[in-house]
Amino acid sequence: MTNSATMQGVYVNVPNVDWSLFRELVRKFGWQVETREQLLDRFISTRPDNPAISEEEIMDEVRAVRYAK
């Protein structure tokens, strides 16, 4: 297995008819593959349930910087 520090992420659009061939190449080379949906699901699952700062607090900071005199 390849060290994740030496990995390069790429996005490839593969036609549905070629997906099984692509998956076979991925398996043979030991690459990792995930769909856009899997990537989004993984991102969402890593988000905290209770963020340290609320959306209102973020907007207050933006307004303070934007409209400061």
PDB file of N, CA and C in Angstrom:
ATOM      1  N   MET A   1       0.848  -1.183   0.000  1.00  0.00           N
ATOM      2  CA  MET A   1       0.000   0.000   0.000  1.00  0.00           C
ATOM      3  C   MET A   1       0.888   1.238   0.000  1.00  0.00           C
ATOM      4  N   THR A   2       0.486   2.246  -0.719  1.00  0.00           N
ATOM      5  CA  THR A   2       1.240   3.482  -0.845  1.00  0.00           C
ATOM      6  C   THR A   2       0.965   4.407   0.337  1.00  0.00           C
ATOM      7  N   ASN A   3       1.994   5.098   0.783  1.00  0.00           N
ATOM      8  CA  ASN A   3       1.861   6.056   1.871  1.00  0.00           C
ATOM      9  C   ASN A   3       0.999   7.224   1.394  1.00  0.00           C
ATOM     10  N   SER A   4       0.014   7.644   2.199  1.00  0.00           N
ATOM     11  CA  SER A   4      -0.893   8.717   1.791  1.00  0.00           C
ATOM     12  C   SER A   4      -0.169  10.049   1.610  1.00  0.00           C
ATOM     13  N   ALA A   5       1.000  10.216   2.215  1.00  0.00           N
ATOM     14  CA  ALA A   5       1.757  11.451   2.058  1.00  0.00           C
ATOM     15  C   ALA A   5       2.337  11.576   0.658  1.00  0.00           C
ATOM     16  N   THR A   6       2.460  10.468  -0.043  1.00  0.00           N
ATOM     17  CA  THR A   6       3.018  10.502  -1.388  1.00  0.00           C
ATOM     18  C   THR A   6       1.933  10.398  -2.453  1.00  0.00           C
ATOM     19  N   MET A   7       0.687  10.530  -2.050  1.00  0.00           N
ATOM     20  CA  MET A   7      -0.425  10.402  -2.984  1.00  0.00           C
ATOM     21  C   MET A   7      -0.750  11.743  -3.630  1.00  0.00           C
ATOM     22  N   GLN A   8      -1.224  11.708  -4.843  1.00  0.00           N
ATOM     23  CA  GLN A   8      -1.690  12.889  -5.559  1.00  0.00           C
ATOM     24  C   GLN A   8      -3.161  12.689  -5.871  1.00  0.00           C
ATOM     25  N   GLY A   9      -4.015  13.588  -5.432  1.00  0.00           N
ATOM     26  CA  GLY A   9      -5.440  13.480  -5.698  1.00  0.00           C
ATOM     27  C   GLY A   9      -5.774  14.053  -7.061  1.00  0.00           C
ATOM     28  N   VAL A  10      -6.582  13.350  -7.812  1.00  0.00           N
ATOM     29  CA  VAL A  10      -7.027  13.820  -9.126  1.00  0.00           C
ATOM     30  C   VAL A  10      -8.515  13.524  -9.278  1.00  0.00           C
ATOM     31  N   TYR A  11      -9.166  14.269 -10.136  1.00  0.00           N
ATOM     32  CA  TYR A  11     -10.562  14.030 -10.473  1.00  0.00           C
ATOM     33  C   TYR A  11     -10.612  13.541 -11.908  1.00  0.00           C
ATOM     34  N   VAL A  12     -11.248  12.429 -12.117  1.00  0.00           N
ATOM     35  CA  VAL A  12     -11.342  11.838 -13.453  1.00  0.00           C
ATOM     36  C   VAL A  12     -12.803  11.539 -13.745  1.00  0.00           C
ATOM     37  N   ASN A  13     -13.282  12.002 -14.876  1.00  0.00           N
ATOM     38  CA  ASN A  13     -14.631  11.657 -15.307  1.00  0.00           C
ATOM     39  C   ASN A  13     -14.535  10.434 -16.200  1.00  0.00           C
ATOM     40  N   VAL A  14     -15.144   9.353 -15.759  1.00  0.00           N
ATOM     41  CA  VAL A  14     -15.096   8.085 -16.484  1.00  0.00           C
ATOM     42  C   VAL A  14     -16.510   7.745 -16.954  1.00  0.00           C
ATOM     43  N   PRO A  15     -16.671   7.448 -18.238  1.00  0.00           N
ATOM     44  CA  PRO A  15     -17.999   7.044 -18.706  1.00  0.00           C
ATOM     45  C   PRO A  15     -18.481   5.805 -17.953  1.00  0.00           C
ATOM     46  N   ASN A  16     -19.788   5.731 -17.717  1.00  0.00           N
ATOM     47  CA  ASN A  16     -20.354   4.607 -16.966  1.00  0.00           C
ATOM     48  C   ASN A  16     -19.992   3.266 -17.587  1.00  0.00           C
ATOM     49  N   VAL A  17     -19.921   3.194 -18.914  1.00  0.00           N
ATOM     50  CA  VAL A  17     -19.613   1.914 -19.564  1.00  0.00           C
ATOM     51  C   VAL A  17     -18.183   1.474 -19.284  1.00  0.00           C
ATOM     52  N   ASP A  18     -17.287   2.406 -18.950  1.00  0.00           N
ATOM     53  CA  ASP A  18     -15.880   2.077 -18.678  1.00  0.00           C
ATOM     54  C   ASP A  18     -15.571   1.973 -17.191  1.00  0.00           C
ATOM     55  N   TRP A  19     -16.566   2.180 -16.350  1.00  0.00           N
ATOM     56  CA  TRP A  19     -16.333   2.209 -14.912  1.00  0.00           C
ATOM     57  C   TRP A  19     -15.743   0.901 -14.399  1.00  0.00           C
ATOM     58  N   SER A  20     -16.246  -0.240 -14.861  1.00  0.00           N
ATOM     59  CA  SER A  20     -15.725  -1.527 -14.370  1.00  0.00           C
ATOM     60  C   SER A  20     -14.264  -1.708 -14.779  1.00  0.00           C
ATOM     61  N   LEU A  21     -13.906  -1.291 -15.983  1.00  0.00           N
ATOM     62  CA  LEU A  21     -12.508  -1.369 -16.428  1.00  0.00           C
ATOM     63  C   LEU A  21     -11.634  -0.468 -15.559  1.00  0.00           C
ATOM     64  N   PHE A  22     -12.104   0.726 -15.287  1.00  0.00           N
ATOM     65  CA  PHE A  22     -11.345   1.651 -14.451  1.00  0.00           C
ATOM     66  C   PHE A  22     -11.155   1.091 -13.050  1.00  0.00           C
ATOM     67  N   ARG A  23     -12.215   0.527 -12.476  1.00  0.00           N
ATOM     68  CA  ARG A  23     -12.117  -0.078 -11.145  1.00  0.00           C
ATOM     69  C   ARG A  23     -11.095  -1.219 -11.131  1.00  0.00           C
ATOM     70  N   GLU A  24     -11.049  -1.980 -12.212  1.00  0.00           N
ATOM     71  CA  GLU A  24     -10.070  -3.067 -12.306  1.00  0.00           C
ATOM     72  C   GLU A  24      -8.643  -2.516 -12.321  1.00  0.00           C
ATOM     73  N   LEU A  25      -8.413  -1.429 -13.062  1.00  0.00           N
ATOM     74  CA  LEU A  25      -7.091  -0.785 -13.068  1.00  0.00           C
ATOM     75  C   LEU A  25      -6.734  -0.263 -11.679  1.00  0.00           C
ATOM     76  N   VAL A  26      -7.689   0.328 -11.033  1.00  0.00           N
ATOM     77  CA  VAL A  26      -7.470   0.840  -9.677  1.00  0.00           C
ATOM     78  C   VAL A  26      -7.048  -0.297  -8.763  1.00  0.00           C
ATOM     79  N   ARG A  27      -7.753  -1.408  -8.849  1.00  0.00           N
ATOM     80  CA  ARG A  27      -7.443  -2.562  -8.000  1.00  0.00           C
ATOM     81  C   ARG A  27      -6.050  -3.098  -8.310  1.00  0.00           C
ATOM     82  N   LYS A  28      -5.714  -3.244  -9.591  1.00  0.00           N
ATOM     83  CA  LYS A  28      -4.414  -3.810  -9.980  1.00  0.00           C
ATOM     84  C   LYS A  28      -3.248  -2.926  -9.565  1.00  0.00           C
ATOM     85  N   PHE A  29      -3.420  -1.611  -9.638  1.00  0.00           N
ATOM     86  CA  PHE A  29      -2.338  -0.704  -9.279  1.00  0.00           C
ATOM     87  C   PHE A  29      -2.315  -0.367  -7.791  1.00  0.00           C
ATOM     88  N   GLY A  30      -3.340  -0.767  -7.057  1.00  0.00           N
ATOM     89  CA  GLY A  30      -3.391  -0.491  -5.629  1.00  0.00           C
ATOM     90  C   GLY A  30      -3.758   0.944  -5.310  1.00  0.00           C
ATOM     91  N   TRP A  31      -4.418   1.597  -6.259  1.00  0.00           N
ATOM     92  CA  TRP A  31      -4.854   2.972  -6.047  1.00  0.00           C
ATOM     93  C   TRP A  31      -6.091   2.993  -5.176  1.00  0.00           C
ATOM     94  N   GLN A  32      -6.475   4.183  -4.761  1.00  0.00           N
ATOM     95  CA  GLN A  32      -7.713   4.378  -4.018  1.00  0.00           C
ATOM     96  C   GLN A  32      -8.665   5.192  -4.876  1.00  0.00           C
ATOM     97  N   VAL A  33      -9.929   4.854  -4.835  1.00  0.00           N
ATOM     98  CA  VAL A  33     -10.917   5.578  -5.626  1.00  0.00           C
ATOM     99  C   VAL A  33     -12.161   5.811  -4.785  1.00  0.00           C
ATOM    100  N   GLU A  34     -12.779   6.973  -4.980  1.00  0.00           N
ATOM    101  CA  GLU A  34     -14.057   7.244  -4.356  1.00  0.00           C
ATOM    102  C   GLU A  34     -14.854   8.159  -5.278  1.00  0.00           C
ATOM    103  N   THR A  35     -16.147   8.001  -5.247  1.00  0.00           N
ATOM    104  CA  THR A  35     -17.020   8.824  -6.077  1.00  0.00           C
ATOM    105  C   THR A  35     -17.180  10.198  -5.429  1.00  0.00           C
ATOM    106  N   ARG A  36     -17.737  11.111  -6.174  1.00  0.00           N
ATOM    107  CA  ARG A  36     -17.991  12.454  -5.656  1.00  0.00           C
ATOM    108  C   ARG A  36     -18.905  12.378  -4.429  1.00  0.00           C
ATOM    109  N   GLU A  37     -19.885  11.491  -4.492  1.00  0.00           N
ATOM    110  CA  GLU A  37     -20.812  11.329  -3.374  1.00  0.00           C
ATOM    111  C   GLU A  37     -20.094  10.791  -2.136  1.00  0.00           C
ATOM    112  N   GLN A  38     -19.187   9.828  -2.333  1.00  0.00           N
ATOM    113  CA  GLN A  38     -18.428   9.281  -1.209  1.00  0.00           C
ATOM    114  C   GLN A  38     -17.519  10.340  -0.605  1.00  0.00           C
ATOM    115  N   LEU A  39     -16.909  11.151  -1.447  1.00  0.00           N
ATOM    116  CA  LEU A  39     -16.052  12.236  -0.973  1.00  0.00           C
ATOM    117  C   LEU A  39     -16.859  13.219  -0.134  1.00  0.00           C
ATOM    118  N   LEU A  40     -18.034  13.591  -0.612  1.00  0.00           N
ATOM    119  CA  LEU A  40     -18.892  14.509   0.129  1.00  0.00           C
ATOM    120  C   LEU A  40     -19.361  13.883   1.440  1.00  0.00           C
ATOM    121  N   ASP A  41     -19.748  12.622   1.418  1.00  0.00           N
ATOM    122  CA  ASP A  41     -20.169  11.931   2.645  1.00  0.00           C
ATOM    123  C   ASP A  41     -19.042  11.885   3.669  1.00  0.00           C
ATOM    124  N   ARG A  42     -17.822  11.616   3.192  1.00  0.00           N
ATOM    125  CA  ARG A  42     -16.670  11.571   4.100  1.00  0.00           C
ATOM    126  C   ARG A  42     -16.418  12.944   4.716  1.00  0.00           C
ATOM    127  N   PHE A  43     -16.530  13.996   3.902  1.00  0.00           N
ATOM    128  CA  PHE A  43     -16.344  15.360   4.408  1.00  0.00           C
ATOM    129  C   PHE A  43     -17.396  15.694   5.467  1.00  0.00           C
ATOM    130  N   ILE A  44     -18.655  15.395   5.162  1.00  0.00           N
ATOM    131  CA  ILE A  44     -19.742  15.707   6.090  1.00  0.00           C
ATOM    132  C   ILE A  44     -19.573  14.951   7.402  1.00  0.00           C
ATOM    133  N   SER A  45     -19.142  13.707   7.329  1.00  0.00           N
ATOM    134  CA  SER A  45     -19.001  12.906   8.550  1.00  0.00           C
ATOM    135  C   SER A  45     -17.881  13.411   9.457  1.00  0.00           C
ATOM    136  N   THR A  46     -16.940  14.185   8.923  1.00  0.00           N
ATOM    137  CA  THR A  46     -15.847  14.700   9.746  1.00  0.00           C
ATOM    138  C   THR A  46     -16.156  16.058  10.358  1.00  0.00           C
ATOM    139  N   ARG A  47     -17.279  16.669   9.998  1.00  0.00           N
ATOM    140  CA  ARG A  47     -17.638  17.977  10.529  1.00  0.00           C
ATOM    141  C   ARG A  47     -18.104  17.846  11.970  1.00  0.00           C
ATOM    142  N   PRO A  48     -17.743  18.806  12.822  1.00  0.00           N
ATOM    143  CA  PRO A  48     -18.182  18.737  14.221  1.00  0.00           C
ATOM    144  C   PRO A  48     -19.687  18.982  14.337  1.00  0.00           C
ATOM    145  N   ASP A  49     -20.298  18.346  15.329  1.00  0.00           N
ATOM    146  CA  ASP A  49     -21.725  18.550  15.567  1.00  0.00           C
ATOM    147  C   ASP A  49     -22.008  19.948  16.094  1.00  0.00           C
ATOM    148  N   ASN A  50     -21.121  20.439  16.937  1.00  0.00           N
ATOM    149  CA  ASN A  50     -21.271  21.778  17.523  1.00  0.00           C
ATOM    150  C   ASN A  50     -20.041  22.610  17.171  1.00  0.00           C
ATOM    151  N   PRO A  51     -20.116  23.399  16.092  1.00  0.00           N
ATOM    152  CA  PRO A  51     -18.956  24.199  15.705  1.00  0.00           C
ATOM    153  C   PRO A  51     -18.591  25.215  16.785  1.00  0.00           C
ATOM    154  N   ALA A  52     -17.315  25.558  16.818  1.00  0.00           N
ATOM    155  CA  ALA A  52     -16.822  26.475  17.847  1.00  0.00           C
ATOM    156  C   ALA A  52     -17.382  27.888  17.670  1.00  0.00           C
ATOM    157  N   ILE A  53     -17.802  28.230  16.464  1.00  0.00           N
ATOM    158  CA  ILE A  53     -18.320  29.561  16.185  1.00  0.00           C
ATOM    159  C   ILE A  53     -19.583  29.408  15.337  1.00  0.00           C
ATOM    160  N   SER A  54     -20.584  30.203  15.647  1.00  0.00           N
ATOM    161  CA  SER A  54     -21.850  30.089  14.929  1.00  0.00           C
ATOM    162  C   SER A  54     -21.815  30.902  13.639  1.00  0.00           C
ATOM    163  N   GLU A  55     -22.779  30.675  12.781  1.00  0.00           N
ATOM    164  CA  GLU A  55     -22.879  31.431  11.535  1.00  0.00           C
ATOM    165  C   GLU A  55     -23.128  32.908  11.834  1.00  0.00           C
ATOM    166  N   GLU A  56     -23.919  33.183  12.855  1.00  0.00           N
ATOM    167  CA  GLU A  56     -24.172  34.577  13.240  1.00  0.00           C
ATOM    168  C   GLU A  56     -22.889  35.270  13.685  1.00  0.00           C
ATOM    169  N   GLU A  57     -22.056  34.570  14.453  1.00  0.00           N
ATOM    170  CA  GLU A  57     -20.787  35.148  14.900  1.00  0.00           C
ATOM    171  C   GLU A  57     -19.861  35.412  13.723  1.00  0.00           C
ATOM    172  N   ILE A  58     -19.867  34.525  12.755  1.00  0.00           N
ATOM    173  CA  ILE A  58     -19.053  34.730  11.552  1.00  0.00           C
ATOM    174  C   ILE A  58     -19.524  35.978  10.820  1.00  0.00           C
ATOM    175  N   MET A  59     -20.833  36.111  10.641  1.00  0.00           N
ATOM    176  CA  MET A  59     -21.373  37.280   9.944  1.00  0.00           C
ATOM    177  C   MET A  59     -21.100  38.564  10.715  1.00  0.00           C
ATOM    178  N   ASP A  60     -21.146  38.519  12.044  1.00  0.00           N
ATOM    179  CA  ASP A  60     -20.812  39.699  12.851  1.00  0.00           C
ATOM    180  C   ASP A  60     -19.371  40.133  12.601  1.00  0.00           C
ATOM    181  N   GLU A  61     -18.457  39.165  12.515  1.00  0.00           N
ATOM    182  CA  GLU A  61     -17.050  39.473  12.230  1.00  0.00           C
ATOM    183  C   GLU A  61     -16.890  40.071  10.832  1.00  0.00           C
ATOM    184  N   VAL A  62     -17.580  39.511   9.864  1.00  0.00           N
ATOM    185  CA  VAL A  62     -17.503  40.028   8.488  1.00  0.00           C
ATOM    186  C   VAL A  62     -18.011  41.457   8.440  1.00  0.00           C
ATOM    187  N   ARG A  63     -19.142  41.709   9.074  1.00  0.00           N
ATOM    188  CA  ARG A  63     -19.693  43.067   9.089  1.00  0.00           C
ATOM    189  C   ARG A  63     -18.757  44.045   9.810  1.00  0.00           C
ATOM    190  N   ALA A  64     -18.150  43.610  10.896  1.00  0.00           N
ATOM    191  CA  ALA A  64     -17.239  44.475  11.651  1.00  0.00           C
ATOM    192  C   ALA A  64     -16.049  44.894  10.791  1.00  0.00           C
ATOM    193  N   VAL A  65     -15.531  43.964  10.001  1.00  0.00           N
ATOM    194  CA  VAL A  65     -14.382  44.274   9.146  1.00  0.00           C
ATOM    195  C   VAL A  65     -14.827  45.099   7.944  1.00  0.00           C
ATOM    196  N   ARG A  66     -15.910  44.692   7.346  1.00  0.00           N
ATOM    197  CA  ARG A  66     -16.374  45.341   6.108  1.00  0.00           C
ATOM    198  C   ARG A  66     -16.815  46.781   6.366  1.00  0.00           C
ATOM    199  N   TYR A  67     -17.515  47.028   7.468  1.00  0.00           N
ATOM    200  CA  TYR A  67     -18.104  48.343   7.707  1.00  0.00           C
ATOM    201  C   TYR A  67     -17.368  49.141   8.777  1.00  0.00           C
ATOM    202  N   ALA A  68     -16.187  48.713   9.178  1.00  0.00           N
ATOM    203  CA  ALA A  68     -15.402  49.452  10.167  1.00  0.00           C
ATOM    204  C   ALA A  68     -14.919  50.772   9.568  1.00  0.00           C
ATOM    205  N   LYS A  69     -14.893  51.791  10.405  1.00  0.00           N
ATOM    206  CA  LYS A  69     -14.445  53.113   9.923  1.00  0.00           C
ATOM    207  C   LYS A  69     -13.255  53.578  10.695  1.00  0.00           C
TER     208      LYS A  69
END
